[in-house]
């Protein structure tokens, strides 16, 4: 499928709007989770046990920063994708770094997975986050290399 028009400009493929829109919704959920946890919104945090709340509120600064980079990098990457900006690639790369830090803290250095229920669902959902994040990075790289992102 050629993205070039007769005038030599690159057309935006339909899938960019689908991927951008769905990823914005997906990443907005992550941003909401981060924001509600950081502001300690009572209505949102009421679903967690006292042990889980203590865990969330005791994140070291570096783990919190990793979480912020992952969430906001992905959210802004989705916005950049919809704006057709090449810096979406760097924002999604930043979100991978943040996700790496968060995963390291939650699954290697602490018992975060156990506190969240420890079942298969925790691992599957975490794996899904990784798949989506990496896919968005490679998708944005592809769109940048074909000239769709400026």
Protein backbone atom coordinates (compact mmCIF):
# COMPACT_ATOMS: atom_id res chain seq x y z
CA UNK A 1 0.00 0.00 0.00
CA UNK A 2 1.52 3.26 -1.11
CA UNK A 3 1.21 6.23 1.15
CA UNK A 4 2.33 8.69 -1.53
CA UNK A 5 -0.20 10.88 -3.30
CA UNK A 6 0.26 12.26 -6.79
CA UNK A 7 1.55 15.49 -5.27
CA UNK A 8 4.30 13.57 -3.40
CA UNK A 9 2.85 14.12 0.06
CA UNK A 10 2.28 11.21 2.40
CA UNK A 11 -1.32 10.29 3.15
CA UNK A 12 -2.34 9.20 6.61
CA UNK A 13 -3.43 5.55 6.54
CA UNK A 14 -6.78 4.77 8.15
CA UNK A 15 -5.15 2.42 10.67
CA UNK A 16 -3.21 5.29 12.25
CA UNK A 17 -6.49 6.77 13.46
CA UNK A 18 -7.65 3.41 14.80
CA UNK A 19 -4.36 2.59 16.52
CA UNK A 20 -4.00 6.15 17.80
CA UNK A 21 -7.56 6.31 19.12
CA UNK A 22 -7.54 2.91 20.79
CA UNK A 23 -4.09 3.49 22.27
CA UNK A 24 -5.18 6.87 23.62
CA UNK A 25 -8.10 5.23 25.44
CA UNK A 26 -5.88 2.39 26.72
CA UNK A 27 -3.17 4.75 27.93
CA UNK A 28 -5.71 7.18 29.41
CA UNK A 29 -6.79 4.35 31.70
CA UNK A 30 -3.20 3.95 32.87
CA UNK A 31 -2.86 7.70 33.35
CA UNK A 32 -6.09 7.78 35.36
CA UNK A 33 -4.85 4.93 37.56
CA UNK A 34 -1.59 6.76 38.19
CA UNK A 35 -3.31 10.08 38.87
CA UNK A 36 -5.90 8.60 41.23
CA UNK A 37 -3.21 6.69 43.14
CA UNK A 38 -0.93 9.72 43.44
CA UNK A 39 -3.76 11.98 44.61
CA UNK A 40 -5.08 9.21 46.88
CA UNK A 41 -8.61 9.66 45.58
CA UNK A 42 -10.82 8.03 48.20
CA UNK A 43 -13.48 6.79 45.77
CA UNK A 44 -10.83 5.09 43.64
CA UNK A 45 -8.56 3.72 46.35
CA UNK A 46 -11.46 2.30 48.40
CA UNK A 47 -11.25 -0.94 46.39
CA UNK A 48 -7.79 -1.79 47.70
CA UNK A 49 -6.82 -3.50 50.94
CA UNK A 50 -4.86 -1.64 53.62
CA UNK A 51 -1.78 -3.68 52.68
CA UNK A 52 -2.12 -2.71 49.01
CA UNK A 53 -2.56 0.95 49.91
CA UNK A 54 0.53 0.85 52.10
CA UNK A 55 2.43 -0.70 49.21
CA UNK A 56 1.30 1.98 46.72
CA UNK A 57 1.99 4.84 49.08
CA UNK A 58 5.46 3.60 50.00
CA UNK A 59 6.93 3.48 46.49
CA UNK A 60 10.46 4.89 46.50
CA UNK A 61 10.94 8.01 44.38
CA UNK A 62 12.76 6.13 41.61
CA UNK A 63 9.94 3.56 41.27
CA UNK A 64 7.34 6.31 41.27
CA UNK A 65 9.33 8.15 38.61
CA UNK A 66 9.48 4.98 36.51
CA UNK A 67 5.72 4.57 36.80
CA UNK A 68 5.21 8.20 35.78
CA UNK A 69 7.54 7.86 32.77
CA UNK A 70 5.78 4.71 31.65
CA UNK A 71 2.27 6.05 31.98
CA UNK A 72 2.73 9.61 30.76
CA UNK A 73 5.19 8.62 28.03
CA UNK A 74 2.63 6.20 26.61
CA UNK A 75 -0.28 8.66 26.96
CA UNK A 76 1.63 11.50 25.29
CA UNK A 77 2.95 9.05 22.68
CA UNK A 78 -0.65 8.27 21.73
CA UNK A 79 -1.44 11.97 21.49
CA UNK A 80 1.67 12.51 19.33
CA UNK A 81 0.63 9.59 17.12
CA UNK A 82 -2.76 11.20 16.52
CA UNK A 83 -1.02 14.53 15.82
CA UNK A 84 1.26 12.67 13.37
CA UNK A 85 4.42 13.77 15.17
CA UNK A 86 7.61 11.74 14.95
CA UNK A 87 8.39 12.32 18.61
CA UNK A 88 5.77 9.66 19.32
CA UNK A 89 8.62 7.18 18.80
CA UNK A 90 10.68 8.73 21.59
CA UNK A 91 7.71 8.98 23.91
CA UNK A 92 6.87 5.31 23.43
CA UNK A 93 10.55 4.44 23.98
CA UNK A 94 10.44 6.44 27.20
CA UNK A 95 7.34 4.51 28.24
CA UNK A 96 9.22 1.23 27.74
CA UNK A 97 11.99 2.46 30.05
CA UNK A 98 9.40 3.45 32.65
CA UNK A 99 7.63 0.11 32.30
CA UNK A 100 10.95 -1.69 32.78
CA UNK A 101 11.60 0.22 36.03
CA UNK A 102 8.05 -0.42 37.28
CA UNK A 103 8.18 -4.11 36.39
CA UNK A 104 11.53 -4.50 38.10
CA UNK A 105 10.18 -2.90 41.27
CA UNK A 106 6.83 -4.73 41.30
CA UNK A 107 7.96 -8.21 40.30
CA UNK A 108 11.63 -8.52 41.24
CA UNK A 109 12.44 -6.21 44.13
CA UNK A 110 9.14 -6.40 46.02
CA UNK A 111 6.17 -8.69 46.44
CA UNK A 112 3.91 -6.38 44.39
CA UNK A 113 2.52 -9.21 42.26
CA UNK A 114 1.59 -11.17 45.38
CA UNK A 115 -0.09 -8.12 46.93
CA UNK A 116 -2.19 -7.65 43.80
CA UNK A 117 -3.54 -11.17 44.07
CA UNK A 118 -0.57 -13.19 42.88
CA UNK A 119 -2.62 -15.16 40.40
CA UNK A 120 -2.20 -15.75 36.70
CA UNK A 121 -4.31 -12.66 35.92
CA UNK A 122 -1.64 -10.37 37.39
CA UNK A 123 1.03 -11.88 35.13
CA UNK A 124 -1.21 -11.96 32.05
CA UNK A 125 -2.27 -8.34 32.46
CA UNK A 126 1.34 -7.29 33.02
CA UNK A 127 2.35 -9.21 29.90
CA UNK A 128 -0.43 -7.50 27.95
CA UNK A 129 0.86 -4.09 29.01
CA UNK A 130 4.32 -5.08 27.74
CA UNK A 131 2.96 -6.34 24.41
CA UNK A 132 0.90 -3.20 23.80
CA UNK A 133 3.74 -0.86 24.81
CA UNK A 134 6.30 -2.55 22.57
CA UNK A 135 3.82 -2.80 19.69
CA UNK A 136 3.09 0.93 19.91
CA UNK A 137 6.79 1.70 19.84
CA UNK A 138 7.37 -0.38 16.70
CA UNK A 139 4.19 0.90 15.06
CA UNK A 140 5.23 4.51 15.62
CA UNK A 141 8.73 3.73 14.29
CA UNK A 142 7.20 2.28 11.16
CA UNK A 143 4.93 5.28 10.67
CA UNK A 144 7.89 7.61 11.15
CA UNK A 145 10.05 5.70 8.67
CA UNK A 146 7.36 5.87 5.98
CA UNK A 147 6.97 9.60 6.49
CA UNK A 148 3.48 9.48 8.00
CA UNK A 149 4.82 11.04 11.22
CA UNK A 150 6.58 14.35 10.73
